[in-house]
Amino acid sequence: MTGSARWASSHLRLAVAALALAAATFVAGTAQAGDGAQFDTLCERTYVNKKVGDNEQWAITWDLYGNATGNVLKLDGSPPSFIECIWQDETETNQIFDCYGASACTGPPCGGPQQWTLIDTGVSIPTSFFLPPGVDPQAADFDCNPLDL
């Protein structure tokens, strides 16, 4: 692994750890300006946009009870990072993922093992992090009306 790949891997690992910690904190706290979540038009996934820590804005797409992917935008203007988390399991309150990260591709070849690095396995994120406040898609009274496209 090159020095820049090690640097990116260590920073992405810290970012996912920060996400897990911030997600747990976010659930207990209040939303910050600019935070939000919304279901897609078919009610099959959510789009999440949340500030994590002091210097990152996370834009995540979560397939309900499945994989999560997204962008980590640095508020200081440095290049974005990309996250892909493969769903592994769930507990009563958390989703468990194996997460991979990559820096922005600067030229071909892009993708594949030369670009993506395992960040960590068993990353536990509160399910509520991915949902609008007070929404539980598994509740009997859950109501999301898909668009008839």
C-alpha atoms as a PDB file:
ATOM      1  CA  MET A   1       0.000   0.000   0.000  1.00  0.00           C
ATOM      2  CA  THR A   2       1.383   3.392  -0.947  1.00  0.00           C
ATOM      3  CA  GLY A   3       1.889   6.182   1.584  1.00  0.00           C
ATOM      4  CA  SER A   4      -1.097   8.130   0.221  1.00  0.00           C
ATOM      5  CA  ALA A   5      -3.284   5.000   0.352  1.00  0.00           C
ATOM      6  CA  ARG A   6      -2.269   4.429   3.987  1.00  0.00           C
ATOM      7  CA  TRP A   7      -3.017   8.096   4.748  1.00  0.00           C
ATOM      8  CA  ALA A   8      -6.460   7.856   3.072  1.00  0.00           C
ATOM      9  CA  SER A   9      -7.205   4.567   4.817  1.00  0.00           C
ATOM     10  CA  SER A  10      -6.336   5.911   8.254  1.00  0.00           C
ATOM     11  CA  HIS A  11      -8.374   9.095   7.702  1.00  0.00           C
ATOM     12  CA  LEU A  12     -11.369   7.139   6.402  1.00  0.00           C
ATOM     13  CA  ARG A  13     -11.134   4.771   9.374  1.00  0.00           C
ATOM     14  CA  LEU A  14     -11.232   7.797  11.677  1.00  0.00           C
ATOM     15  CA  ALA A  15     -14.145   9.206   9.686  1.00  0.00           C
ATOM     16  CA  VAL A  16     -16.236   6.039  10.073  1.00  0.00           C
ATOM     17  CA  ALA A  17     -15.426   5.887  13.775  1.00  0.00           C
ATOM     18  CA  ALA A  18     -16.515   9.523  13.985  1.00  0.00           C
ATOM     19  CA  LEU A  19     -19.715   8.642  12.107  1.00  0.00           C
ATOM     20  CA  ALA A  20     -20.570   5.858  14.527  1.00  0.00           C
ATOM     21  CA  LEU A  21     -19.874   8.121  17.503  1.00  0.00           C
ATOM     22  CA  ALA A  22     -21.665  11.094  15.973  1.00  0.00           C
ATOM     23  CA  ALA A  23     -24.637   8.926  15.006  1.00  0.00           C
ATOM     24  CA  ALA A  24     -24.970   7.742  18.587  1.00  0.00           C
ATOM     25  CA  THR A  25     -24.612  11.315  19.838  1.00  0.00           C
ATOM     26  CA  PHE A  26     -27.017  12.628  17.205  1.00  0.00           C
ATOM     27  CA  VAL A  27     -29.705  10.184  18.284  1.00  0.00           C
ATOM     28  CA  ALA A  28     -29.470  11.479  21.840  1.00  0.00           C
ATOM     29  CA  GLY A  29     -29.183  15.141  20.838  1.00  0.00           C
ATOM     30  CA  THR A  30     -30.931  17.587  18.595  1.00  0.00           C
ATOM     31  CA  ALA A  31     -30.569  18.093  14.873  1.00  0.00           C
ATOM     32  CA  GLN A  32     -28.139  20.710  13.606  1.00  0.00           C
ATOM     33  CA  ALA A  33     -29.045  23.198  10.893  1.00  0.00           C
ATOM     34  CA  GLY A  34     -28.810  21.461   7.538  1.00  0.00           C
ATOM     35  CA  ASP A  35     -29.403  17.967   8.962  1.00  0.00           C
ATOM     36  CA  GLY A  36     -32.173  15.909   7.479  1.00  0.00           C
ATOM     37  CA  ALA A  37     -33.427  12.629   6.078  1.00  0.00           C
ATOM     38  CA  GLN A  38     -36.032  11.787   3.435  1.00  0.00           C
ATOM     39  CA  PHE A  39     -37.442   8.645   1.858  1.00  0.00           C
ATOM     40  CA  ASP A  40     -37.014   8.144  -1.881  1.00  0.00           C
ATOM     41  CA  THR A  41     -40.027   8.185  -4.219  1.00  0.00           C
ATOM     42  CA  LEU A  42     -40.578   4.416  -3.806  1.00  0.00           C
ATOM     43  CA  CYS A  43     -40.129   4.336  -0.004  1.00  0.00           C
ATOM     44  CA  GLU A  44     -37.261   1.833  -0.400  1.00  0.00           C
ATOM     45  CA  ARG A  45     -34.310   3.943   0.772  1.00  0.00           C
ATOM     46  CA  THR A  46     -33.487   7.102   2.652  1.00  0.00           C
ATOM     47  CA  TYR A  47     -31.270  10.033   1.814  1.00  0.00           C
ATOM     48  CA  VAL A  48     -29.445  11.404   4.833  1.00  0.00           C
ATOM     49  CA  ASN A  49     -27.548  14.675   5.077  1.00  0.00           C
ATOM     50  CA  LYS A  50     -25.935  15.365   8.443  1.00  0.00           C
ATOM     51  CA  LYS A  51     -23.036  17.321   9.832  1.00  0.00           C
ATOM     52  CA  VAL A  52     -20.612  14.966  11.569  1.00  0.00           C
ATOM     53  CA  GLY A  53     -18.100  16.514  13.929  1.00  0.00           C
ATOM     54  CA  ASP A  54     -16.887  20.036  13.251  1.00  0.00           C
ATOM     55  CA  ASN A  55     -15.524  19.605   9.731  1.00  0.00           C
ATOM     56  CA  GLU A  56     -17.625  17.104   7.750  1.00  0.00           C
ATOM     57  CA  GLN A  57     -21.006  16.952   6.059  1.00  0.00           C
ATOM     58  CA  TRP A  58     -22.169  13.407   5.279  1.00  0.00           C
ATOM     59  CA  ALA A  59     -24.532  12.697   2.378  1.00  0.00           C
ATOM     60  CA  ILE A  60     -25.608   9.046   2.722  1.00  0.00           C
ATOM     61  CA  THR A  61     -28.080   6.849   0.823  1.00  0.00           C
ATOM     62  CA  TRP A  62     -29.346   3.873   2.819  1.00  0.00           C
ATOM     63  CA  ASP A  63     -31.291   1.020   1.249  1.00  0.00           C
ATOM     64  CA  LEU A  64     -33.775   0.198   4.023  1.00  0.00           C
ATOM     65  CA  TYR A  65     -32.162  -2.593   6.034  1.00  0.00           C
ATOM     66  CA  GLY A  66     -29.416  -2.922   3.430  1.00  0.00           C
ATOM     67  CA  ASN A  67     -26.255  -1.215   2.172  1.00  0.00           C
ATOM     68  CA  ALA A  68     -25.307   2.420   2.742  1.00  0.00           C
ATOM     69  CA  THR A  69     -23.234   4.560   0.380  1.00  0.00           C
ATOM     70  CA  GLY A  70     -22.299   8.201   0.363  1.00  0.00           C
ATOM     71  CA  ASN A  71     -19.991  11.151   0.259  1.00  0.00           C
ATOM     72  CA  VAL A  72     -18.049  12.801   3.028  1.00  0.00           C
ATOM     73  CA  LEU A  73     -17.707  16.483   2.227  1.00  0.00           C
ATOM     74  CA  LYS A  74     -15.029  18.385   4.115  1.00  0.00           C
ATOM     75  CA  LEU A  75     -16.214  21.803   5.239  1.00  0.00           C
ATOM     76  CA  ASP A  76     -12.663  23.148   4.913  1.00  0.00           C
ATOM     77  CA  GLY A  77     -12.839  22.660   1.129  1.00  0.00           C
ATOM     78  CA  SER A  78     -10.484  19.673   0.895  1.00  0.00           C
ATOM     79  CA  PRO A  79     -11.411  16.849  -1.526  1.00  0.00           C
ATOM     80  CA  PRO A  80     -14.355  14.586  -0.660  1.00  0.00           C
ATOM     81  CA  SER A  81     -14.159  10.971   0.446  1.00  0.00           C
ATOM     82  CA  PHE A  82     -16.529   8.185  -0.522  1.00  0.00           C
ATOM     83  CA  ILE A  83     -17.983   5.500   1.716  1.00  0.00           C
ATOM     84  CA  GLU A  84     -19.565   2.174   0.833  1.00  0.00           C
ATOM     85  CA  CYS A  85     -20.894   0.100   3.703  1.00  0.00           C
ATOM     86  CA  ILE A  86     -22.082  -3.443   3.075  1.00  0.00           C
ATOM     87  CA  TRP A  87     -24.909  -4.482   5.396  1.00  0.00           C
ATOM     88  CA  GLN A  88     -24.015  -7.466   7.585  1.00  0.00           C
ATOM     89  CA  ASP A  89     -26.559  -7.665  10.388  1.00  0.00           C
ATOM     90  CA  GLU A  90     -28.787  -5.682  12.690  1.00  0.00           C
ATOM     91  CA  THR A  91     -29.577  -5.524  16.374  1.00  0.00           C
ATOM     92  CA  GLU A  92     -32.769  -4.186  17.884  1.00  0.00           C
ATOM     93  CA  THR A  93     -31.455  -0.621  17.525  1.00  0.00           C
ATOM     94  CA  ASN A  94     -28.407  -0.672  15.210  1.00  0.00           C
ATOM     95  CA  GLN A  95     -27.367  -1.583  11.682  1.00  0.00           C
ATOM     96  CA  ILE A  96     -24.035  -3.440  11.354  1.00  0.00           C
ATOM     97  CA  PHE A  97     -21.824  -2.863   8.303  1.00  0.00           C
ATOM     98  CA  ASP A  98     -18.450  -3.669   6.805  1.00  0.00           C
ATOM     99  CA  CYS A  99     -17.295  -0.301   5.428  1.00  0.00           C
ATOM    100  CA  TYR A 100     -14.937   0.639   2.620  1.00  0.00           C
ATOM    101  CA  GLY A 101     -13.615   4.058   1.713  1.00  0.00           C
ATOM    102  CA  ALA A 102     -11.982   5.809  -1.193  1.00  0.00           C
ATOM    103  CA  SER A 103     -10.605   9.209  -2.013  1.00  0.00           C
ATOM    104  CA  ALA A 104     -11.718  11.039  -5.135  1.00  0.00           C
ATOM    105  CA  CYS A 105     -10.435   9.345  -8.283  1.00  0.00           C
ATOM    106  CA  THR A 106      -7.937  11.589 -10.062  1.00  0.00           C
ATOM    107  CA  GLY A 107      -7.768   9.533 -13.265  1.00  0.00           C
ATOM    108  CA  PRO A 108      -8.269   6.047 -14.653  1.00  0.00           C
ATOM    109  CA  PRO A 109      -8.371   3.355 -13.577  1.00  0.00           C
ATOM    110  CA  CYS A 110     -11.035   4.216 -11.001  1.00  0.00           C
ATOM    111  CA  GLY A 111     -12.788   1.873  -8.595  1.00  0.00           C
ATOM    112  CA  GLY A 112     -11.813  -1.632  -7.639  1.00  0.00           C
ATOM    113  CA  PRO A 113      -9.315  -2.738  -5.028  1.00  0.00           C
ATOM    114  CA  GLN A 114      -6.674  -0.209  -6.089  1.00  0.00           C
ATOM    115  CA  GLN A 115      -9.005   2.642  -5.040  1.00  0.00           C
ATOM    116  CA  TRP A 116     -11.158   1.206  -2.204  1.00  0.00           C
ATOM    117  CA  THR A 117      -9.800   0.261   1.223  1.00  0.00           C
ATOM    118  CA  LEU A 118     -11.485  -1.675   4.019  1.00  0.00           C
ATOM    119  CA  ILE A 119     -12.129   0.851   6.788  1.00  0.00           C
ATOM    120  CA  ASP A 120     -13.505  -1.516   9.397  1.00  0.00           C
ATOM    121  CA  THR A 121     -15.797  -4.484   9.908  1.00  0.00           C
ATOM    122  CA  GLY A 122     -18.705  -4.635  12.313  1.00  0.00           C
ATOM    123  CA  VAL A 123     -19.369  -0.866  12.210  1.00  0.00           C
ATOM    124  CA  SER A 124     -22.496  -0.325  14.329  1.00  0.00           C
ATOM    125  CA  ILE A 125     -24.682   2.699  13.523  1.00  0.00           C
ATOM    126  CA  PRO A 126     -28.039   3.455  15.167  1.00  0.00           C
ATOM    127  CA  THR A 127     -30.887   2.741  12.737  1.00  0.00           C
ATOM    128  CA  SER A 128     -32.465   6.047  13.721  1.00  0.00           C
ATOM    129  CA  PHE A 129     -29.452   7.885  12.226  1.00  0.00           C
ATOM    130  CA  PHE A 130     -30.762   6.944   8.772  1.00  0.00           C
ATOM    131  CA  LEU A 131     -34.394   7.967   9.362  1.00  0.00           C
ATOM    132  CA  PRO A 132     -36.426  11.141   9.723  1.00  0.00           C
ATOM    133  CA  PRO A 133     -37.189  11.923  13.387  1.00  0.00           C
ATOM    134  CA  GLY A 134     -39.839   9.649  14.899  1.00  0.00           C
ATOM    135  CA  VAL A 135     -40.114   7.347  11.850  1.00  0.00           C
ATOM    136  CA  ASP A 136     -39.923   3.560  12.174  1.00  0.00           C
ATOM    137  CA  PRO A 137     -40.436   1.720   8.850  1.00  0.00           C
ATOM    138  CA  GLN A 138     -41.105  -1.523  10.727  1.00  0.00           C
ATOM    139  CA  ALA A 139     -43.907  -0.044  12.846  1.00  0.00           C
ATOM    140  CA  ALA A 140     -47.461  -1.138  12.067  1.00  0.00           C
ATOM    141  CA  ASP A 141     -48.510   2.492  11.583  1.00  0.00           C
ATOM    142  CA  PHE A 142     -45.635   3.343   9.163  1.00  0.00           C
ATOM    143  CA  ASP A 143     -47.023   5.369   6.294  1.00  0.00           C
ATOM    144  CA  CYS A 144     -44.967   6.182   3.209  1.00  0.00           C
ATOM    145  CA  ASN A 145     -46.854   6.542  -0.052  1.00  0.00           C
ATOM    146  CA  PRO A 146     -44.695   5.683  -3.083  1.00  0.00           C
ATOM    147  CA  LEU A 147     -45.055   7.906  -6.134  1.00  0.00           C
ATOM    148  CA  ASP A 148     -46.888   6.208  -8.961  1.00  0.00           C
ATOM    149  CA  LEU A 149     -44.239   6.669 -11.651  1.00  0.00           C
END
